[in-house]
Each structure stands twice: as structure tokens, then as C-alpha cells.
Amino acid sequence: MKIKVTYFGQFRDITGVKEEEIETKDGVTVVELRDQVREKYAGIAAKDEVLVAINNSFAALETVVKEEDKVAFFPPVSGG
């Protein structure tokens, strides 16, 4: 199946795109999709924490992604 993925912050700089479609298996989990993106982009793989949201809500790693879901990748946020 194809998943539409949007990148925010420095992840957009790393990928060079705002969004893209990623081909993946049916029943893919957030952690599997995250790992697939990390394999494609070394700059994202270098980050210890990658936040993933599905349909505008942060998602647990075991959440199954559906083809119609809107998936977004965010770098870790820090501040004070």
C-alpha cells in the first residue's frame, strides 16, 4: 500500500521534500514505517527520537497505519 507522509522541521530539510508517498506492506505499524523512513534517510536515522503523528495525533509505536491515514514525522522538540 502507499502511505502519504509529511515531514516537518529539520526532517523537511533532510528529505528535501515536504511530503511523499512511501510504498509499504499492508498492516505496517508506526515503528515499522519509522524504521523504513530511517533506512531511506540517514539524517533521520541519526536522531534518537522521531515523533510520528497519524491524523493529527501523536501515535503509539504499535499503531497500525491505514492507507488513508495522514502520517507526519516531527523531529524532537526542545525548549524552555
Protein backbone atom coordinates (compact mmCIF):
# COMPACT_ATOMS: atom_id res chain seq x y z
CA MET A 1 0.00 0.00 0.00
CA LYS A 2 1.04 3.63 -0.39
CA ILE A 3 1.20 5.95 2.61
CA LYS A 4 1.35 9.74 2.27
CA VAL A 5 3.98 11.07 4.67
CA THR A 6 4.59 14.72 5.58
CA TYR A 7 7.86 15.94 7.09
CA PHE A 8 8.24 18.89 9.47
CA GLY A 9 11.13 21.00 10.75
CA GLN A 10 14.61 19.73 10.07
CA PHE A 11 13.19 16.49 8.66
CA ARG A 12 11.90 18.50 5.70
CA ASP A 13 15.45 19.80 5.20
CA ILE A 14 16.90 16.29 5.46
CA THR A 15 14.47 14.75 2.96
CA GLY A 16 14.33 17.71 0.61
CA VAL A 17 10.56 17.30 0.31
CA LYS A 18 7.51 18.45 2.24
CA GLU A 19 5.69 15.19 1.60
CA GLU A 20 5.98 11.98 -0.34
CA GLU A 21 4.27 8.65 -0.86
CA ILE A 22 6.01 5.63 0.60
CA GLU A 23 5.27 2.12 -0.60
CA THR A 24 4.94 -0.28 2.31
CA LYS A 25 3.25 -3.52 3.31
CA ASP A 26 -0.36 -3.79 4.47
CA GLY A 27 -0.67 -3.72 8.24
CA VAL A 28 2.53 -1.74 8.78
CA THR A 29 2.96 -0.33 12.29
CA VAL A 30 4.26 3.11 13.18
CA VAL A 31 7.59 1.66 14.32
CA GLU A 32 7.99 -0.28 11.06
CA LEU A 33 7.17 2.79 8.96
CA ARG A 34 9.52 4.91 11.07
CA ASP A 35 12.30 2.35 10.54
CA GLN A 36 11.59 2.30 6.80
CA VAL A 37 11.97 6.10 6.67
CA ARG A 38 15.16 5.90 8.75
CA GLU A 39 16.61 3.41 6.24
CA LYS A 40 15.90 5.85 3.42
CA TYR A 41 17.23 8.99 5.14
CA ALA A 42 20.45 8.76 7.15
CA GLY A 43 19.83 12.19 8.71
CA ILE A 44 16.60 10.99 10.26
CA ALA A 45 18.24 7.75 11.36
CA ALA A 46 20.82 9.80 13.25
CA LYS A 47 18.11 11.22 15.51
CA ASP A 48 17.43 9.23 18.66
CA GLU A 49 13.83 10.33 18.80
CA VAL A 50 11.44 10.64 15.89
CA LEU A 51 7.87 11.70 16.65
CA VAL A 52 5.12 10.30 14.44
CA ALA A 53 1.55 11.55 14.22
CA ILE A 54 -1.39 9.91 12.48
CA ASN A 55 -4.35 12.10 11.57
CA ASN A 56 -3.04 14.99 13.70
CA SER A 57 -2.48 12.96 16.90
CA PHE A 58 0.79 11.50 18.12
CA ALA A 59 0.71 7.73 17.64
CA ALA A 60 1.96 4.81 19.71
CA LEU A 61 4.67 2.70 18.07
CA GLU A 62 2.38 -0.33 17.80
CA THR A 63 -0.41 1.58 15.98
CA VAL A 64 -1.27 0.07 12.59
CA VAL A 65 -1.21 2.60 9.74
CA LYS A 66 -4.02 2.50 7.18
CA GLU A 67 -3.67 3.66 3.60
CA GLU A 68 -5.99 6.65 4.06
CA ASP A 69 -4.18 7.87 7.22
CA LYS A 70 -2.24 11.14 7.17
CA VAL A 71 1.19 10.41 8.66
CA ALA A 72 3.58 13.14 9.80
CA PHE A 73 7.18 12.92 11.04
CA PHE A 74 8.47 15.51 13.52
CA PRO A 75 11.96 15.98 14.98
CA PRO A 76 12.21 16.07 18.77
CA VAL A 77 11.29 19.45 20.19
CA SER A 78 13.18 21.16 22.97
CA GLY A 79 12.78 24.49 24.61
CA GLY A 80 12.50 26.25 27.85
